[in-house]
Amino acid sequence: MAAKYMPRLTITHILEKKNHSFLPTKITFFYTVIINMLSWKQELKLPGFEVIDEKEKKAISRIFDEGKVFFAHGFDKKRKHYHVREFEQKLKNIFSPKMADVLCVSSGTAAIKVALKALGIGRGDEVITQSFNFIATVEAIVDTGANVVFTDIDDTLNMCPKNLETLISKKTKAIIPVHMLGVPADMILINRIGKRNKIPVVEDACEAIGAKVAGKYVGGLSEFGVFSFDFGKMITTGEGGALFSKKKSDGKNARMYHDHG
C-alpha cells in the first residue's frame, strides 16, 4: 500500500489553533518520494503539498501594516503584538508544555549551535552524534570549535545507545541523537545514559516533528530539543528553526547568545 502524503503546516495554521491530531508518529512519505524518483514517467511530487494561500498573504500584509517588522522586542507601544513570540508560545503549548523556553531562530542548524553555545561548549570539547546523520548537525558542532565523535546506529537507523556508552570521555560535553526520516531514536536509553554521566542531551528532531516516544512528542524529551521549519519539513515558515530548553538558565543563555543587539 502506498504511503499517504501528509499535509504540511505553515505558521499561520499553527496560530489559528487548528486540530493537530493528524501529526504522524512516524513519517513514511519519504519512501513514496523515492518510488517517484525511480519512475521515469511519474512526476516527482513533494510530500504534503505546501498549504500556502491567501491566508499567508494576509498574514504577511498584517506584519507590514503594523510596522517595525525587523524588531523581535522593544517598541511595545508601537507594536500590536509579536508574531514570532506568539509562535514560540504555540510550539511550547502543543509540543512540550513543560519546557521552560522555546526560542525561534533562523534554522535548525542555528538552533543546534545556539544550544551548544548556551552550554558553553567550545574548542577542545567533544560532542557525540550518530554516523547516519544530516551534515547540518555536524556543521553546528564544528562551528563551535568542538570535536565530533560518531556512534554506530542501531535498528532504528539512529544512535546506538550501547555504542554511545563506550565513546563517552572526560571531554564529552553533549550528546546529539538525530531522529532520521521521522523515526525516533531510543530516547529512553539515551537520556538515561546522559543523566548517569551528567552530560546534556540535545535532541535533533528536525526531521521528525510530530513523532512521539512513549506518548510524548520528540523535541521535548531532553535538556534541549531542536526543530527545523524549512520547506522540506512538516511545519514550514519558508526557513526557520526552534530551540526547546528544559532549564530556565539554559533558555536565558540561548536567548542572550542568539540576540546580540
C-alpha atoms as a PDB file:
ATOM      1  CA  MET A   1       0.000   0.000   0.000  1.00  0.00           C
ATOM      2  CA  ALA A   2       1.400   3.379  -0.977  1.00  0.00           C
ATOM      3  CA  ALA A   3       2.223   5.806   1.796  1.00  0.00           C
ATOM      4  CA  LYS A   4      -0.152   8.721   2.071  1.00  0.00           C
ATOM      5  CA  TYR A   5       1.088  12.256   1.633  1.00  0.00           C
ATOM      6  CA  MET A   6       0.975  14.157   4.924  1.00  0.00           C
ATOM      7  CA  PRO A   7      -0.141  17.804   4.795  1.00  0.00           C
ATOM      8  CA  ARG A   8       2.342  20.401   5.933  1.00  0.00           C
ATOM      9  CA  LEU A   9       1.573  23.245   8.296  1.00  0.00           C
ATOM     10  CA  THR A  10       2.561  26.877   7.938  1.00  0.00           C
ATOM     11  CA  ILE A  11       2.959  29.251  10.861  1.00  0.00           C
ATOM     12  CA  THR A  12      -0.493  30.645  10.026  1.00  0.00           C
ATOM     13  CA  HIS A  13      -2.158  27.279  10.592  1.00  0.00           C
ATOM     14  CA  ILE A  14      -0.384  26.835  13.933  1.00  0.00           C
ATOM     15  CA  LEU A  15      -1.530  30.253  15.127  1.00  0.00           C
ATOM     16  CA  GLU A  16      -5.127  29.521  14.155  1.00  0.00           C
ATOM     17  CA  LYS A  17      -5.482  26.875  16.915  1.00  0.00           C
ATOM     18  CA  LYS A  18      -6.497  24.137  14.495  1.00  0.00           C
ATOM     19  CA  ASN A  19      -6.686  20.445  15.381  1.00  0.00           C
ATOM     20  CA  HIS A  20      -3.158  18.992  15.346  1.00  0.00           C
ATOM     21  CA  SER A  21      -4.142  15.366  15.978  1.00  0.00           C
ATOM     22  CA  PHE A  22      -3.088  14.318  12.463  1.00  0.00           C
ATOM     23  CA  LEU A  23       0.622  14.879  13.128  1.00  0.00           C
ATOM     24  CA  PRO A  24       2.258  11.485  12.434  1.00  0.00           C
ATOM     25  CA  THR A  25       4.052   9.266  14.927  1.00  0.00           C
ATOM     26  CA  LYS A  26       6.305   8.019  12.126  1.00  0.00           C
ATOM     27  CA  ILE A  27       6.728   9.884   8.883  1.00  0.00           C
ATOM     28  CA  THR A  28       6.636   7.486   5.919  1.00  0.00           C
ATOM     29  CA  PHE A  29       6.243   9.774   2.933  1.00  0.00           C
ATOM     30  CA  PHE A  30       9.983   9.673   2.125  1.00  0.00           C
ATOM     31  CA  TYR A  31       9.522   6.165   0.747  1.00  0.00           C
ATOM     32  CA  THR A  32       6.882   7.472  -1.665  1.00  0.00           C
ATOM     33  CA  VAL A  33       9.274  10.185  -2.836  1.00  0.00           C
ATOM     34  CA  ILE A  34      11.943   7.577  -3.559  1.00  0.00           C
ATOM     35  CA  ILE A  35       9.461   5.488  -5.564  1.00  0.00           C
ATOM     36  CA  ASN A  36       8.503   8.546  -7.599  1.00  0.00           C
ATOM     37  CA  MET A  37      12.145   9.398  -8.262  1.00  0.00           C
ATOM     38  CA  LEU A  38      12.765   5.907  -9.650  1.00  0.00           C
ATOM     39  CA  SER A  39       9.877   6.185 -12.072  1.00  0.00           C
ATOM     40  CA  TRP A  40      10.692   7.682 -15.495  1.00  0.00           C
ATOM     41  CA  LYS A  41       7.113   8.544 -16.275  1.00  0.00           C
ATOM     42  CA  GLN A  42       5.880   9.781 -12.910  1.00  0.00           C
ATOM     43  CA  GLU A  43       6.124  13.419 -11.993  1.00  0.00           C
ATOM     44  CA  LEU A  44       8.161  13.955  -8.817  1.00  0.00           C
ATOM     45  CA  LYS A  45       5.765  15.106  -6.121  1.00  0.00           C
ATOM     46  CA  LEU A  46       6.918  16.659  -2.891  1.00  0.00           C
ATOM     47  CA  PRO A  47       5.472  15.120   0.298  1.00  0.00           C
ATOM     48  CA  GLY A  48       2.493  17.127   1.541  1.00  0.00           C
ATOM     49  CA  PHE A  49       1.847  19.942  -0.902  1.00  0.00           C
ATOM     50  CA  GLU A  50       2.546  23.289   0.726  1.00  0.00           C
ATOM     51  CA  VAL A  51      -0.588  24.862   2.148  1.00  0.00           C
ATOM     52  CA  ILE A  52       0.127  28.432   1.159  1.00  0.00           C
ATOM     53  CA  ASP A  53      -2.745  30.587   0.005  1.00  0.00           C
ATOM     54  CA  GLU A  54      -4.482  33.901   0.707  1.00  0.00           C
ATOM     55  CA  LYS A  55      -4.231  33.366   4.478  1.00  0.00           C
ATOM     56  CA  GLU A  56      -0.450  33.564   4.336  1.00  0.00           C
ATOM     57  CA  LYS A  57      -0.564  36.626   2.077  1.00  0.00           C
ATOM     58  CA  LYS A  58      -2.886  38.392   4.512  1.00  0.00           C
ATOM     59  CA  ALA A  59      -0.680  37.407   7.454  1.00  0.00           C
ATOM     60  CA  ILE A  60       2.367  38.951   5.781  1.00  0.00           C
ATOM     61  CA  SER A  61       0.401  42.128   4.981  1.00  0.00           C
ATOM     62  CA  ARG A  62      -0.632  42.457   8.630  1.00  0.00           C
ATOM     63  CA  ILE A  63       3.012  42.379   9.717  1.00  0.00           C
ATOM     64  CA  PHE A  64       3.987  45.207   7.346  1.00  0.00           C
ATOM     65  CA  ASP A  65       0.883  47.210   8.252  1.00  0.00           C
ATOM     66  CA  GLU A  66       1.844  47.057  11.923  1.00  0.00           C
ATOM     67  CA  GLY A  67       5.357  48.370  11.247  1.00  0.00           C
ATOM     68  CA  LYS A  68       8.716  47.726  12.942  1.00  0.00           C
ATOM     69  CA  VAL A  69       8.960  44.400  11.128  1.00  0.00           C
ATOM     70  CA  PHE A  70      12.564  43.606  11.983  1.00  0.00           C
ATOM     71  CA  PHE A  71      12.500  44.099  15.744  1.00  0.00           C
ATOM     72  CA  ALA A  72      11.933  40.996  17.877  1.00  0.00           C
ATOM     73  CA  HIS A  73      11.466  43.087  21.016  1.00  0.00           C
ATOM     74  CA  GLY A  74      11.112  46.673  22.097  1.00  0.00           C
ATOM     75  CA  PHE A  75       8.837  49.399  20.684  1.00  0.00           C
ATOM     76  CA  ASP A  76       5.956  47.786  22.575  1.00  0.00           C
ATOM     77  CA  LYS A  77       3.770  50.881  22.303  1.00  0.00           C
ATOM     78  CA  LYS A  78       4.028  50.849  18.506  1.00  0.00           C
ATOM     79  CA  ARG A  79       3.655  47.106  18.021  1.00  0.00           C
ATOM     80  CA  LYS A  80       0.257  45.454  18.340  1.00  0.00           C
ATOM     81  CA  HIS A  81       1.882  42.093  19.041  1.00  0.00           C
ATOM     82  CA  TYR A  82       4.916  39.981  18.168  1.00  0.00           C
ATOM     83  CA  HIS A  83       4.039  37.154  15.799  1.00  0.00           C
ATOM     84  CA  VAL A  84       7.218  35.141  16.417  1.00  0.00           C
ATOM     85  CA  ARG A  85       6.731  35.312  20.190  1.00  0.00           C
ATOM     86  CA  GLU A  86       3.175  34.025  19.667  1.00  0.00           C
ATOM     87  CA  PHE A  87       4.517  31.198  17.513  1.00  0.00           C
ATOM     88  CA  GLU A  88       7.022  30.242  20.214  1.00  0.00           C
ATOM     89  CA  GLN A  89       4.241  30.011  22.771  1.00  0.00           C
ATOM     90  CA  LYS A  90       2.108  27.888  20.433  1.00  0.00           C
ATOM     91  CA  LEU A  91       5.006  25.490  19.870  1.00  0.00           C
ATOM     92  CA  LYS A  92       5.505  25.189  23.610  1.00  0.00           C
ATOM     93  CA  ASN A  93       1.804  24.580  24.286  1.00  0.00           C
ATOM     94  CA  ILE A  94       1.438  21.926  21.583  1.00  0.00           C
ATOM     95  CA  PHE A  95       4.710  20.008  21.690  1.00  0.00           C
ATOM     96  CA  SER A  96       6.169  20.408  25.178  1.00  0.00           C
ATOM     97  CA  PRO A  97       4.289  22.481  27.786  1.00  0.00           C
ATOM     98  CA  LYS A  98       6.787  21.521  30.492  1.00  0.00           C
ATOM     99  CA  MET A  99       9.773  23.045  28.699  1.00  0.00           C
ATOM    100  CA  ALA A 100      10.948  26.300  30.262  1.00  0.00           C
ATOM    101  CA  ASP A 101      11.516  28.152  26.997  1.00  0.00           C
ATOM    102  CA  VAL A 102      11.086  27.938  23.222  1.00  0.00           C
ATOM    103  CA  LEU A 103      13.237  30.192  21.056  1.00  0.00           C
ATOM    104  CA  CYS A 104      12.765  30.700  17.318  1.00  0.00           C
ATOM    105  CA  VAL A 105      15.923  31.118  15.239  1.00  0.00           C
ATOM    106  CA  SER A 106      16.849  31.202  11.544  1.00  0.00           C
ATOM    107  CA  SER A 107      17.240  27.429  11.021  1.00  0.00           C
ATOM    108  CA  GLY A 108      17.553  24.058  12.685  1.00  0.00           C
ATOM    109  CA  THR A 109      21.315  24.300  12.236  1.00  0.00           C
ATOM    110  CA  ALA A 110      21.349  27.601  14.111  1.00  0.00           C
ATOM    111  CA  ALA A 111      19.223  26.077  16.882  1.00  0.00           C
ATOM    112  CA  ILE A 112      21.776  23.300  17.437  1.00  0.00           C
ATOM    113  CA  LYS A 113      24.654  25.765  17.575  1.00  0.00           C
ATOM    114  CA  VAL A 114      22.783  28.068  19.966  1.00  0.00           C
ATOM    115  CA  ALA A 115      22.093  25.095  22.251  1.00  0.00           C
ATOM    116  CA  LEU A 116      25.764  24.112  22.296  1.00  0.00           C
ATOM    117  CA  LYS A 117      26.911  27.686  22.957  1.00  0.00           C
ATOM    118  CA  ALA A 118      24.325  28.025  25.730  1.00  0.00           C
ATOM    119  CA  LEU A 119      26.077  25.056  27.348  1.00  0.00           C
ATOM    120  CA  GLY A 120      29.443  26.806  26.988  1.00  0.00           C
ATOM    121  CA  ILE A 121      30.819  24.238  24.541  1.00  0.00           C
ATOM    122  CA  GLY A 122      33.896  25.258  22.580  1.00  0.00           C
ATOM    123  CA  ARG A 123      37.345  24.345  21.353  1.00  0.00           C
ATOM    124  CA  GLY A 124      38.727  21.107  22.780  1.00  0.00           C
ATOM    125  CA  ASP A 125      35.356  19.741  23.868  1.00  0.00           C
ATOM    126  CA  GLU A 126      33.754  16.659  22.352  1.00  0.00           C
ATOM    127  CA  VAL A 127      30.163  16.266  21.162  1.00  0.00           C
ATOM    128  CA  ILE A 128      28.796  12.833  20.328  1.00  0.00           C
ATOM    129  CA  THR A 129      26.336  12.351  17.481  1.00  0.00           C
ATOM    130  CA  GLN A 130      25.471   9.466  15.163  1.00  0.00           C
ATOM    131  CA  SER A 131      27.102   8.266  11.946  1.00  0.00           C
ATOM    132  CA  PHE A 132      23.872   8.238   9.881  1.00  0.00           C
ATOM    133  CA  ASN A 133      23.105  11.909  10.027  1.00  0.00           C
ATOM    134  CA  PHE A 134      22.495  15.134   8.138  1.00  0.00           C
ATOM    135  CA  ILE A 135      25.520  17.357   7.556  1.00  0.00           C
ATOM    136  CA  ALA A 136      23.958  20.341   9.352  1.00  0.00           C
ATOM    137  CA  THR A 137      24.245  18.629  12.737  1.00  0.00           C
ATOM    138  CA  VAL A 138      27.959  18.129  12.223  1.00  0.00           C
ATOM    139  CA  GLU A 139      28.409  21.663  10.876  1.00  0.00           C
ATOM    140  CA  ALA A 140      26.864  23.141  14.017  1.00  0.00           C
ATOM    141  CA  ILE A 141      29.240  21.170  16.235  1.00  0.00           C
ATOM    142  CA  VAL A 142      32.316  22.092  14.196  1.00  0.00           C
ATOM    143  CA  ASP A 143      31.235  25.742  14.170  1.00  0.00           C
ATOM    144  CA  THR A 144      31.578  25.870  17.960  1.00  0.00           C
ATOM    145  CA  GLY A 145      35.172  24.595  17.738  1.00  0.00           C
ATOM    146  CA  ALA A 146      34.299  21.267  19.355  1.00  0.00           C
ATOM    147  CA  ASN A 147      35.336  17.861  18.012  1.00  0.00           C
ATOM    148  CA  VAL A 148      32.743  15.451  16.602  1.00  0.00           C
ATOM    149  CA  VAL A 149      32.573  11.850  17.817  1.00  0.00           C
ATOM    150  CA  PHE A 150      30.365   9.442  15.841  1.00  0.00           C
ATOM    151  CA  THR A 151      28.416   6.485  17.205  1.00  0.00           C
ATOM    152  CA  ASP A 152      27.207   3.459  15.321  1.00  0.00           C
ATOM    153  CA  ILE A 153      23.483   3.170  14.553  1.00  0.00           C
ATOM    154  CA  ASP A 154      21.006   0.523  15.700  1.00  0.00           C
ATOM    155  CA  ASP A 155      17.894  -0.975  14.081  1.00  0.00           C
ATOM    156  CA  THR A 156      16.133   2.403  14.180  1.00  0.00           C
ATOM    157  CA  LEU A 157      18.946   3.763  11.938  1.00  0.00           C
ATOM    158  CA  ASN A 158      19.619   6.231  14.757  1.00  0.00           C
ATOM    159  CA  MET A 159      22.116   6.479  17.621  1.00  0.00           C
ATOM    160  CA  CYS A 160      23.054   3.132  19.173  1.00  0.00           C
ATOM    161  CA  PRO A 161      22.868   3.503  22.994  1.00  0.00           C
ATOM    162  CA  LYS A 162      25.280   0.621  23.620  1.00  0.00           C
ATOM    163  CA  ASN A 163      27.944   2.133  21.399  1.00  0.00           C
ATOM    164  CA  LEU A 164      27.272   5.582  22.867  1.00  0.00           C
ATOM    165  CA  GLU A 165      28.361   4.438  26.316  1.00  0.00           C
ATOM    166  CA  THR A 166      31.752   3.260  25.021  1.00  0.00           C
ATOM    167  CA  LEU A 167      32.523   6.665  23.471  1.00  0.00           C
ATOM    168  CA  ILE A 168      31.936   8.907  26.482  1.00  0.00           C
ATOM    169  CA  SER A 169      35.092  10.545  27.850  1.00  0.00           C
ATOM    170  CA  LYS A 170      36.055  13.371  30.181  1.00  0.00           C
ATOM    171  CA  LYS A 171      35.901  15.703  27.179  1.00  0.00           C
ATOM    172  CA  THR A 172      32.305  14.792  26.262  1.00  0.00           C
ATOM    173  CA  LYS A 173      30.103  17.854  26.810  1.00  0.00           C
ATOM    174  CA  ALA A 174      26.929  16.965  24.895  1.00  0.00           C
ATOM    175  CA  ILE A 175      25.114  14.127  23.132  1.00  0.00           C
ATOM    176  CA  ILE A 176      23.069  14.790  19.968  1.00  0.00           C
ATOM    177  CA  PRO A 177      20.787  11.965  18.804  1.00  0.00           C
ATOM    178  CA  VAL A 178      19.071  12.659  15.458  1.00  0.00           C
ATOM    179  CA  HIS A 179      15.615  11.305  14.594  1.00  0.00           C
ATOM    180  CA  MET A 180      16.307  10.466  10.962  1.00  0.00           C
ATOM    181  CA  LEU A 181      13.449  10.491   8.425  1.00  0.00           C
ATOM    182  CA  GLY A 182      10.799  10.805  11.116  1.00  0.00           C
ATOM    183  CA  VAL A 183      11.783   7.707  13.115  1.00  0.00           C
ATOM    184  CA  PRO A 184      12.662   8.449  16.774  1.00  0.00           C
ATOM    185  CA  ALA A 185      15.869   7.256  18.371  1.00  0.00           C
ATOM    186  CA  ASP A 186      15.791   5.253  21.619  1.00  0.00           C
ATOM    187  CA  MET A 187      15.478   8.362  23.767  1.00  0.00           C
ATOM    188  CA  ILE A 188      14.686   6.468  26.963  1.00  0.00           C
ATOM    189  CA  LEU A 189      18.087   4.763  26.976  1.00  0.00           C
ATOM    190  CA  ILE A 190      19.981   7.745  25.539  1.00  0.00           C
ATOM    191  CA  ASN A 191      18.574  10.115  28.174  1.00  0.00           C
ATOM    192  CA  ARG A 192      19.347   7.563  30.876  1.00  0.00           C
ATOM    193  CA  ILE A 193      22.968   7.391  29.735  1.00  0.00           C
ATOM    194  CA  GLY A 194      23.226  11.170  29.581  1.00  0.00           C
ATOM    195  CA  LYS A 195      21.780  11.586  33.059  1.00  0.00           C
ATOM    196  CA  ARG A 196      24.021   8.907  34.553  1.00  0.00           C
ATOM    197  CA  ASN A 197      27.113  10.616  33.127  1.00  0.00           C
ATOM    198  CA  LYS A 198      25.827  14.159  33.770  1.00  0.00           C
ATOM    199  CA  ILE A 199      26.006  15.005  30.074  1.00  0.00           C
ATOM    200  CA  PRO A 200      23.203  17.102  28.499  1.00  0.00           C
ATOM    201  CA  VAL A 201      21.299  15.657  25.543  1.00  0.00           C
ATOM    202  CA  VAL A 202      20.406  17.913  22.591  1.00  0.00           C
ATOM    203  CA  GLU A 203      17.588  16.194  20.726  1.00  0.00           C
ATOM    204  CA  ASP A 204      17.717  16.875  16.977  1.00  0.00           C
ATOM    205  CA  ALA A 205      14.064  16.467  15.948  1.00  0.00           C
ATOM    206  CA  CYS A 206      14.356  18.480  12.722  1.00  0.00           C
ATOM    207  CA  GLU A 207      13.172  15.564  10.570  1.00  0.00           C
ATOM    208  CA  ALA A 208      10.584  14.208  12.992  1.00  0.00           C
ATOM    209  CA  ILE A 209       8.212  16.979  14.058  1.00  0.00           C
ATOM    210  CA  GLY A 210       5.087  15.246  15.362  1.00  0.00           C
ATOM    211  CA  ALA A 211       6.715  11.885  16.139  1.00  0.00           C
ATOM    212  CA  LYS A 212       6.318  10.517  19.658  1.00  0.00           C
ATOM    213  CA  VAL A 213       8.220   8.379  22.153  1.00  0.00           C
ATOM    214  CA  ALA A 214       6.142   6.837  24.945  1.00  0.00           C
ATOM    215  CA  GLY A 215       3.276   9.191  24.135  1.00  0.00           C
ATOM    216  CA  LYS A 216       5.376  12.368  24.233  1.00  0.00           C
ATOM    217  CA  TYR A 217       6.440  14.491  21.270  1.00  0.00           C
ATOM    218  CA  VAL A 218      10.092  14.391  20.263  1.00  0.00           C
ATOM    219  CA  GLY A 219      11.912  17.648  20.826  1.00  0.00           C
ATOM    220  CA  GLY A 220      10.710  17.873  24.405  1.00  0.00           C
ATOM    221  CA  LEU A 221      12.301  14.755  25.848  1.00  0.00           C
ATOM    222  CA  SER A 222      15.771  16.018  26.837  1.00  0.00           C
ATOM    223  CA  GLU A 223      17.643  19.112  28.069  1.00  0.00           C
ATOM    224  CA  PHE A 224      17.299  20.669  24.607  1.00  0.00           C
ATOM    225  CA  GLY A 225      15.164  19.937  21.545  1.00  0.00           C
ATOM    226  CA  VAL A 226      15.584  21.280  18.019  1.00  0.00           C
ATOM    227  CA  PHE A 227      13.036  21.788  15.214  1.00  0.00           C
ATOM    228  CA  SER A 228      13.531  22.914  11.610  1.00  0.00           C
ATOM    229  CA  PHE A 229      10.915  24.760   9.534  1.00  0.00           C
ATOM    230  CA  ASP A 230      12.364  24.779   6.036  1.00  0.00           C
ATOM    231  CA  PHE A 231      10.298  23.660   3.035  1.00  0.00           C
ATOM    232  CA  GLY A 232      11.234  20.009   3.473  1.00  0.00           C
ATOM    233  CA  LYS A 233       9.690  19.801   6.937  1.00  0.00           C
ATOM    234  CA  MET A 234       6.225  19.067   8.342  1.00  0.00           C
ATOM    235  CA  ILE A 235       5.800  22.659   9.534  1.00  0.00           C
ATOM    236  CA  THR A 236       7.241  25.357   7.292  1.00  0.00           C
ATOM    237  CA  THR A 237       7.977  29.034   7.724  1.00  0.00           C
ATOM    238  CA  GLY A 238       9.970  29.056   4.485  1.00  0.00           C
ATOM    239  CA  GLU A 239      13.127  28.915   6.600  1.00  0.00           C
ATOM    240  CA  GLY A 240      13.475  28.825  10.353  1.00  0.00           C
ATOM    241  CA  GLY A 241      14.065  26.722  13.429  1.00  0.00           C
ATOM    242  CA  ALA A 242      13.214  26.448  17.111  1.00  0.00           C
ATOM    243  CA  LEU A 243      15.111  25.543  20.260  1.00  0.00           C
ATOM    244  CA  PHE A 244      13.326  23.992  23.258  1.00  0.00           C
ATOM    245  CA  SER A 245      15.110  24.427  26.609  1.00  0.00           C
ATOM    246  CA  LYS A 246      14.181  22.461  29.732  1.00  0.00           C
ATOM    247  CA  LYS A 247      16.001  24.760  32.194  1.00  0.00           C
ATOM    248  CA  LYS A 248      15.281  28.474  32.544  1.00  0.00           C
ATOM    249  CA  SER A 249      19.007  29.203  32.837  1.00  0.00           C
ATOM    250  CA  ASP A 250      19.730  27.396  29.565  1.00  0.00           C
ATOM    251  CA  GLY A 251      16.879  29.224  27.860  1.00  0.00           C
ATOM    252  CA  LYS A 252      18.236  32.547  29.099  1.00  0.00           C
ATOM    253  CA  ASN A 253      21.740  31.728  27.864  1.00  0.00           C
ATOM    254  CA  ALA A 254      20.337  30.716  24.486  1.00  0.00           C
ATOM    255  CA  ARG A 255      18.397  33.973  24.087  1.00  0.00           C
ATOM    256  CA  MET A 256      21.422  36.039  25.095  1.00  0.00           C
ATOM    257  CA  TYR A 257      23.647  34.264  22.590  1.00  0.00           C
ATOM    258  CA  HIS A 258      21.247  34.424  19.634  1.00  0.00           C
ATOM    259  CA  ASP A 259      20.414  38.117  20.002  1.00  0.00           C
ATOM    260  CA  HIS A 260      23.428  40.391  20.372  1.00  0.00           C
ATOM    261  CA  GLY A 261      21.688  43.702  19.844  1.00  0.00           C
END
